[in-house]
PDB file of all heavy atoms in Angstrom:
ATOM      1  N   ALA A   1     146.458  83.300-189.285  1.00  0.00           N
ATOM      2  CA  ALA A   1     145.333  83.782-188.487  1.00  0.00           C
ATOM      3  C   ALA A   1     145.680  83.681-187.079  1.00  0.00           C
ATOM      4  O   ALA A   1     146.553  82.949-186.595  1.00  0.00           O
ATOM      5  CB  ALA A   1     144.114  82.938-188.783  1.00  0.00           C
ATOM      6  N   GLU A   2     144.900  84.494-186.269  1.00  0.00           N
ATOM      7  CA  GLU A   2     145.023  84.453-184.811  1.00  0.00           C
ATOM      8  C   GLU A   2     143.693  83.845-184.295  1.00  0.00           C
ATOM      9  O   GLU A   2     142.588  84.454-184.501  1.00  0.00           O
ATOM     10  CB  GLU A   2     145.274  85.782-184.168  1.00  0.00           C
ATOM     11  CG  GLU A   2     145.423  85.762-182.678  1.00  0.00           C
ATOM     12  CD  GLU A   2     145.800  87.061-182.037  1.00  0.00           C
ATOM     13  OE1 GLU A   2     147.014  87.348-182.040  1.00  0.00           O
ATOM     14  OE2 GLU A   2     144.903  87.777-181.614  1.00  0.00           O
ATOM     15  N   LEU A   3     143.746  82.685-183.648  1.00  0.00           N
ATOM     16  CA  LEU A   3     142.571  82.015-183.100  1.00  0.00           C
ATOM     17  C   LEU A   3     142.596  82.141-181.571  1.00  0.00           C
ATOM     18  O   LEU A   3     143.653  82.243-180.954  1.00  0.00           O
ATOM     19  CB  LEU A   3     142.698  80.494-183.449  1.00  0.00           C
ATOM     20  CG  LEU A   3     142.891  80.130-184.973  1.00  0.00           C
ATOM     21  CD1 LEU A   3     142.991  78.664-185.158  1.00  0.00           C
ATOM     22  CD2 LEU A   3     141.779  80.765-185.836  1.00  0.00           C
ATOM     23  N   HIS A   4     141.359  82.151-181.041  1.00  0.00           N
ATOM     24  CA  HIS A   4     141.245  82.309-179.647  1.00  0.00           C
ATOM     25  C   HIS A   4     140.496  81.086-179.068  1.00  0.00           C
ATOM     26  O   HIS A   4     139.444  80.619-179.654  1.00  0.00           O
ATOM     27  CB  HIS A   4     140.503  83.636-179.261  1.00  0.00           C
ATOM     28  CG  HIS A   4     141.303  84.843-179.490  1.00  0.00           C
ATOM     29  ND1 HIS A   4     141.978  85.543-178.502  1.00  0.00           N
ATOM     30  CD2 HIS A   4     141.603  85.519-180.693  1.00  0.00           C
ATOM     31  CE1 HIS A   4     142.614  86.531-179.070  1.00  0.00           C
ATOM     32  NE2 HIS A   4     142.383  86.582-180.373  1.00  0.00           N
ATOM     33  N   VAL A   5     140.948  80.560-177.973  1.00  0.00           N
ATOM     34  CA  VAL A   5     140.326  79.404-177.369  1.00  0.00           C
ATOM     35  C   VAL A   5     140.089  79.602-175.831  1.00  0.00           C
ATOM     36  O   VAL A   5     140.836  80.340-175.121  1.00  0.00           O
ATOM     37  CB  VAL A   5     141.122  78.127-177.535  1.00  0.00           C
ATOM     38  CG1 VAL A   5     142.535  78.269-176.873  1.00  0.00           C
ATOM     39  CG2 VAL A   5     140.428  76.906-176.955  1.00  0.00           C
ATOM     40  N   GLY A   6     138.949  79.308-175.346  1.00  0.00           N
ATOM     41  CA  GLY A   6     138.560  79.474-174.033  1.00  0.00           C
ATOM     42  C   GLY A   6     136.988  79.779-173.845  1.00  0.00           C
ATOM     43  O   GLY A   6     136.308  79.748-174.743  1.00  0.00           O
ATOM     44  N   ALA A   7     136.619  79.890-172.575  1.00  0.00           N
ATOM     45  CA  ALA A   7     135.215  80.181-172.266  1.00  0.00           C
ATOM     46  C   ALA A   7     134.816  81.519-172.968  1.00  0.00           C
ATOM     47  O   ALA A   7     135.507  82.451-172.935  1.00  0.00           O
ATOM     48  CB  ALA A   7     134.983  80.349-170.825  1.00  0.00           C
ATOM     49  N   GLY A   8     133.636  81.507-173.635  1.00  0.00           N
ATOM     50  CA  GLY A   8     133.116  82.655-174.353  1.00  0.00           C
ATOM     51  C   GLY A   8     133.600  82.775-175.721  1.00  0.00           C
ATOM     52  O   GLY A   8     133.203  83.725-176.406  1.00  0.00           O
ATOM     53  N   PHE A   9     134.422  81.867-176.246  1.00  0.00           N
ATOM     54  CA  PHE A   9     134.881  81.901-177.576  1.00  0.00           C
ATOM     55  C   PHE A   9     134.288  80.644-178.397  1.00  0.00           C
ATOM     56  O   PHE A   9     133.878  79.665-177.736  1.00  0.00           O
ATOM     57  CB  PHE A   9     136.340  81.824-177.710  1.00  0.00           C
ATOM     58  CG  PHE A   9     137.082  83.024-177.138  1.00  0.00           C
ATOM     59  CD1 PHE A   9     137.342  83.114-175.721  1.00  0.00           C
ATOM     60  CD2 PHE A   9     137.271  84.182-177.979  1.00  0.00           C
ATOM     61  CE1 PHE A   9     137.953  84.316-175.246  1.00  0.00           C
ATOM     62  CE2 PHE A   9     137.867  85.326-177.418  1.00  0.00           C
ATOM     63  CZ  PHE A   9     138.204  85.353-176.092  1.00  0.00           C
ATOM     64  N   ALA A  10     134.304  80.807-179.720  1.00  0.00           N
ATOM     65  CA  ALA A  10     133.767  79.702-180.463  1.00  0.00           C
ATOM     66  C   ALA A  10     134.543  78.410-180.299  1.00  0.00           C
ATOM     67  O   ALA A  10     133.944  77.227-180.307  1.00  0.00           O
ATOM     68  CB  ALA A  10     133.683  80.098-181.969  1.00  0.00           C
ATOM     69  N   LEU A  11     135.823  78.561-180.160  1.00  0.00           N
ATOM     70  CA  LEU A  11     136.647  77.312-179.841  1.00  0.00           C
ATOM     71  C   LEU A  11     136.862  77.262-178.350  1.00  0.00           C
ATOM     72  O   LEU A  11     137.437  78.087-177.708  1.00  0.00           O
ATOM     73  CB  LEU A  11     138.100  77.540-180.499  1.00  0.00           C
ATOM     74  CG  LEU A  11     138.092  77.683-182.035  1.00  0.00           C
ATOM     75  CD1 LEU A  11     139.482  78.062-182.480  1.00  0.00           C
ATOM     76  CD2 LEU A  11     137.508  76.432-182.704  1.00  0.00           C
ATOM     77  N   ARG A  12     136.288  76.222-177.711  1.00  0.00           N
ATOM     78  CA  ARG A  12     136.274  76.158-176.245  1.00  0.00           C
ATOM     79  C   ARG A  12     137.284  75.093-175.725  1.00  0.00           C
ATOM     80  O   ARG A  12     137.604  75.142-174.554  1.00  0.00           O
ATOM     81  CB  ARG A  12     134.865  75.785-175.780  1.00  0.00           C
ATOM     82  CG  ARG A  12     133.767  76.820-176.175  1.00  0.00           C
ATOM     83  CD  ARG A  12     132.447  76.448-175.687  1.00  0.00           C
ATOM     84  NE  ARG A  12     132.387  76.319-174.222  1.00  0.00           N
ATOM     85  CZ  ARG A  12     132.141  77.449-173.406  1.00  0.00           C
ATOM     86  NH1 ARG A  12     131.890  78.528-173.957  1.00  0.00           N
ATOM     87  NH2 ARG A  12     132.082  77.268-172.135  1.00  0.00           N
ATOM     88  N   THR A  13     137.749  74.227-176.540  1.00  0.00           N
ATOM     89  CA  THR A  13     138.742  73.192-176.095  1.00  0.00           C
ATOM     90  C   THR A  13     139.997  73.312-176.926  1.00  0.00           C
ATOM     91  O   THR A  13     140.041  73.806-178.055  1.00  0.00           O
ATOM     92  CB  THR A  13     138.163  71.788-176.234  1.00  0.00           C
ATOM     93  OG1 THR A  13     138.074  71.455-177.672  1.00  0.00           O
ATOM     94  CG2 THR A  13     136.750  71.744-175.557  1.00  0.00           C
ATOM     95  N   LEU A  14     141.097  72.788-176.391  1.00  0.00           N
ATOM     96  CA  LEU A  14     142.296  72.745-177.053  1.00  0.00           C
ATOM     97  C   LEU A  14     142.262  71.882-178.304  1.00  0.00           C
ATOM     98  O   LEU A  14     142.787  72.217-179.362  1.00  0.00           O
ATOM     99  CB  LEU A  14     143.468  72.296-176.169  1.00  0.00           C
ATOM    100  CG  LEU A  14     143.640  73.093-174.813  1.00  0.00           C
ATOM    101  CD1 LEU A  14     144.658  72.453-173.964  1.00  0.00           C
ATOM    102  CD2 LEU A  14     144.084  74.502-175.161  1.00  0.00           C
ATOM    103  N   ALA A  15     141.525  70.792-178.284  1.00  0.00           N
ATOM    104  CA  ALA A  15     141.389  69.909-179.384  1.00  0.00           C
ATOM    105  C   ALA A  15     140.714  70.606-180.537  1.00  0.00           C
ATOM    106  O   ALA A  15     141.064  70.413-181.638  1.00  0.00           O
ATOM    107  CB  ALA A  15     140.642  68.612-178.935  1.00  0.00           C
ATOM    108  N   GLN A  16     139.646  71.385-180.180  1.00  0.00           N
ATOM    109  CA  GLN A  16     138.985  72.137-181.238  1.00  0.00           C
ATOM    110  C   GLN A  16     139.922  73.126-181.933  1.00  0.00           C
ATOM    111  O   GLN A  16     139.903  73.247-183.131  1.00  0.00           O
ATOM    112  CB  GLN A  16     137.736  72.886-180.697  1.00  0.00           C
ATOM    113  CG  GLN A  16     136.616  71.948-180.283  1.00  0.00           C
ATOM    114  CD  GLN A  16     135.518  72.656-179.591  1.00  0.00           C
ATOM    115  OE1 GLN A  16     135.719  73.818-178.972  1.00  0.00           O
ATOM    116  NE2 GLN A  16     134.369  72.175-179.618  1.00  0.00           N
ATOM    117  N   ALA A  17     140.738  73.802-181.135  1.00  0.00           N
ATOM    118  CA  ALA A  17     141.660  74.756-181.635  1.00  0.00           C
ATOM    119  C   ALA A  17     142.729  74.077-182.503  1.00  0.00           C
ATOM    120  O   ALA A  17     143.147  74.559-183.552  1.00  0.00           O
ATOM    121  CB  ALA A  17     142.305  75.546-180.481  1.00  0.00           C
ATOM    122  N   ALA A  18     143.310  72.980-181.975  1.00  0.00           N
ATOM    123  CA  ALA A  18     144.269  72.265-182.778  1.00  0.00           C
ATOM    124  C   ALA A  18     143.694  71.720-184.139  1.00  0.00           C
ATOM    125  O   ALA A  18     144.427  71.719-185.158  1.00  0.00           O
ATOM    126  CB  ALA A  18     144.743  71.044-181.929  1.00  0.00           C
ATOM    127  N   ALA A  19     142.417  71.338-184.148  1.00  0.00           N
ATOM    128  CA  ALA A  19     141.762  70.875-185.398  1.00  0.00           C
ATOM    129  C   ALA A  19     141.595  72.076-186.413  1.00  0.00           C
ATOM    130  O   ALA A  19     141.693  71.835-187.597  1.00  0.00           O
ATOM    131  CB  ALA A  19     140.452  70.221-185.091  1.00  0.00           C
ATOM    132  N   GLU A  20     141.531  73.312-185.902  1.00  0.00           N
ATOM    133  CA  GLU A  20     141.263  74.457-186.689  1.00  0.00           C
ATOM    134  C   GLU A  20     142.515  75.092-187.174  1.00  0.00           C
ATOM    135  O   GLU A  20     142.604  75.689-188.246  1.00  0.00           O
ATOM    136  CB  GLU A  20     140.405  75.454-185.975  1.00  0.00           C
ATOM    137  CG  GLU A  20     139.955  76.640-186.742  1.00  0.00           C
ATOM    138  CD  GLU A  20     138.766  76.370-187.648  1.00  0.00           C
ATOM    139  OE1 GLU A  20     138.179  75.265-187.489  1.00  0.00           O
ATOM    140  OE2 GLU A  20     138.568  77.118-188.547  1.00  0.00           O
ATOM    141  N   ALA A  21     143.571  74.968-186.357  1.00  0.00           N
ATOM    142  CA  ALA A  21     144.781  75.773-186.623  1.00  0.00           C
ATOM    143  C   ALA A  21     145.592  75.282-187.751  1.00  0.00           C
ATOM    144  O   ALA A  21     145.689  73.993-187.976  1.00  0.00           O
ATOM    145  CB  ALA A  21     145.670  75.853-185.379  1.00  0.00           C
ATOM    146  N   LYS A  22     146.085  76.097-188.603  1.00  0.00           N
ATOM    147  CA  LYS A  22     146.952  75.817-189.759  1.00  0.00           C
ATOM    148  C   LYS A  22     148.415  76.337-189.564  1.00  0.00           C
ATOM    149  O   LYS A  22     148.543  77.226-188.683  1.00  0.00           O
ATOM    150  CB  LYS A  22     146.408  76.425-191.052  1.00  0.00           C
ATOM    151  CG  LYS A  22     144.915  76.059-191.269  1.00  0.00           C
ATOM    152  CD  LYS A  22     144.681  74.682-191.648  1.00  0.00           C
ATOM    153  CE  LYS A  22     143.340  74.304-192.239  1.00  0.00           C
ATOM    154  NZ  LYS A  22     142.272  74.618-191.159  1.00  0.00           N
ATOM    155  N   SER A  23     149.302  75.865-190.278  1.00  0.00           N
ATOM    156  CA  SER A  23     150.651  76.314-190.227  1.00  0.00           C
ATOM    157  C   SER A  23     150.726  77.823-190.315  1.00  0.00           C
ATOM    158  O   SER A  23     150.171  78.361-191.308  1.00  0.00           O
ATOM    159  CB  SER A  23     151.515  75.580-191.247  1.00  0.00           C
ATOM    160  OG  SER A  23     152.914  75.999-191.129  1.00  0.00           O
ATOM    161  N   GLY A  24     151.454  78.444-189.488  1.00  0.00           N
ATOM    162  CA  GLY A  24     151.531  79.903-189.451  1.00  0.00           C
ATOM    163  C   GLY A  24     150.576  80.632-188.578  1.00  0.00           C
ATOM    164  O   GLY A  24     150.693  81.830-188.268  1.00  0.00           O
ATOM    165  N   ASP A  25     149.642  79.869-188.031  1.00  0.00           N
ATOM    166  CA  ASP A  25     148.541  80.473-187.151  1.00  0.00           C
ATOM    167  C   ASP A  25     149.121  80.537-185.716  1.00  0.00           C
ATOM    168  O   ASP A  25     149.967  79.786-185.290  1.00  0.00           O
ATOM    169  CB  ASP A  25     147.293  79.620-187.132  1.00  0.00           C
ATOM    170  CG  ASP A  25     146.524  79.710-188.423  1.00  0.00           C
ATOM    171  OD1 ASP A  25     146.888  80.506-189.283  1.00  0.00           O
ATOM    172  OD2 ASP A  25     145.556  78.890-188.571  1.00  0.00           O
ATOM    173  N   THR A  26     148.522  81.486-184.941  1.00  0.00           N
ATOM    174  CA  THR A  26     148.861  81.657-183.518  1.00  0.00           C
ATOM    175  C   THR A  26     147.519  81.406-182.789  1.00  0.00           C
ATOM    176  O   THR A  26     146.473  81.962-183.161  1.00  0.00           O
ATOM    177  CB  THR A  26     149.296  83.056-183.216  1.00  0.00           C
ATOM    178  OG1 THR A  26     150.552  83.359-183.772  1.00  0.00           O
ATOM    179  CG2 THR A  26     149.392  83.266-181.737  1.00  0.00           C
ATOM    180  N   VAL A  27     147.623  80.526-181.846  1.00  0.00           N
ATOM    181  CA  VAL A  27     146.420  80.211-181.002  1.00  0.00           C
ATOM    182  C   VAL A  27     146.644  80.958-179.624  1.00  0.00           C
ATOM    183  O   VAL A  27     147.598  80.600-178.894  1.00  0.00           O
ATOM    184  CB  VAL A  27     146.282  78.733-180.782  1.00  0.00           C
ATOM    185  CG1 VAL A  27     145.008  78.460-179.897  1.00  0.00           C
ATOM    186  CG2 VAL A  27     146.157  78.058-182.099  1.00  0.00           C
ATOM    187  N   VAL A  28     145.699  81.822-179.232  1.00  0.00           N
ATOM    188  CA  VAL A  28     145.746  82.525-177.966  1.00  0.00           C
ATOM    189  C   VAL A  28     144.910  81.806-177.021  1.00  0.00           C
ATOM    190  O   VAL A  28     143.691  81.604-177.269  1.00  0.00           O
ATOM    191  CB  VAL A  28     145.267  83.959-178.120  1.00  0.00           C
ATOM    192  CG1 VAL A  28     145.287  84.655-176.771  1.00  0.00           C
ATOM    193  CG2 VAL A  28     146.132  84.731-179.155  1.00  0.00           C
ATOM    194  N   VAL A  29     145.474  81.215-175.987  1.00  0.00           N
ATOM    195  CA  VAL A  29     144.811  80.448-174.912  1.00  0.00           C
ATOM    196  C   VAL A  29     144.451  81.332-173.765  1.00  0.00           C
ATOM    197  O   VAL A  29     145.300  81.880-173.062  1.00  0.00           O
ATOM    198  CB  VAL A  29     145.709  79.262-174.483  1.00  0.00           C
ATOM    199  CG1 VAL A  29     144.866  78.371-173.573  1.00  0.00           C
ATOM    200  CG2 VAL A  29     146.224  78.445-175.661  1.00  0.00           C
ATOM    201  N   HIS A  30     143.164  81.432-173.539  1.00  0.00           N
ATOM    202  CA  HIS A  30     142.724  82.328-172.440  1.00  0.00           C
ATOM    203  C   HIS A  30     142.584  81.578-171.158  1.00  0.00           C
ATOM    204  O   HIS A  30     142.574  80.339-171.016  1.00  0.00           O
ATOM    205  CB  HIS A  30     141.249  82.879-172.856  1.00  0.00           C
ATOM    206  CG  HIS A  30     141.352  83.792-173.957  1.00  0.00           C
ATOM    207  ND1 HIS A  30     141.459  85.206-173.737  1.00  0.00           N
ATOM    208  CD2 HIS A  30     141.446  83.672-175.323  1.00  0.00           C
ATOM    209  CE1 HIS A  30     141.549  85.864-174.944  1.00  0.00           C
ATOM    210  NE2 HIS A  30     141.493  84.951-175.903  1.00  0.00           N
TER     211      HIS A  30
END
């Protein structure tokens, strides 16, 4: 999956994104 983190997204903190991300995922940091 591609996850997005930043203002205006469901994931607003890096910690939230890290808790959600699984192996193989890409996290796009805005």
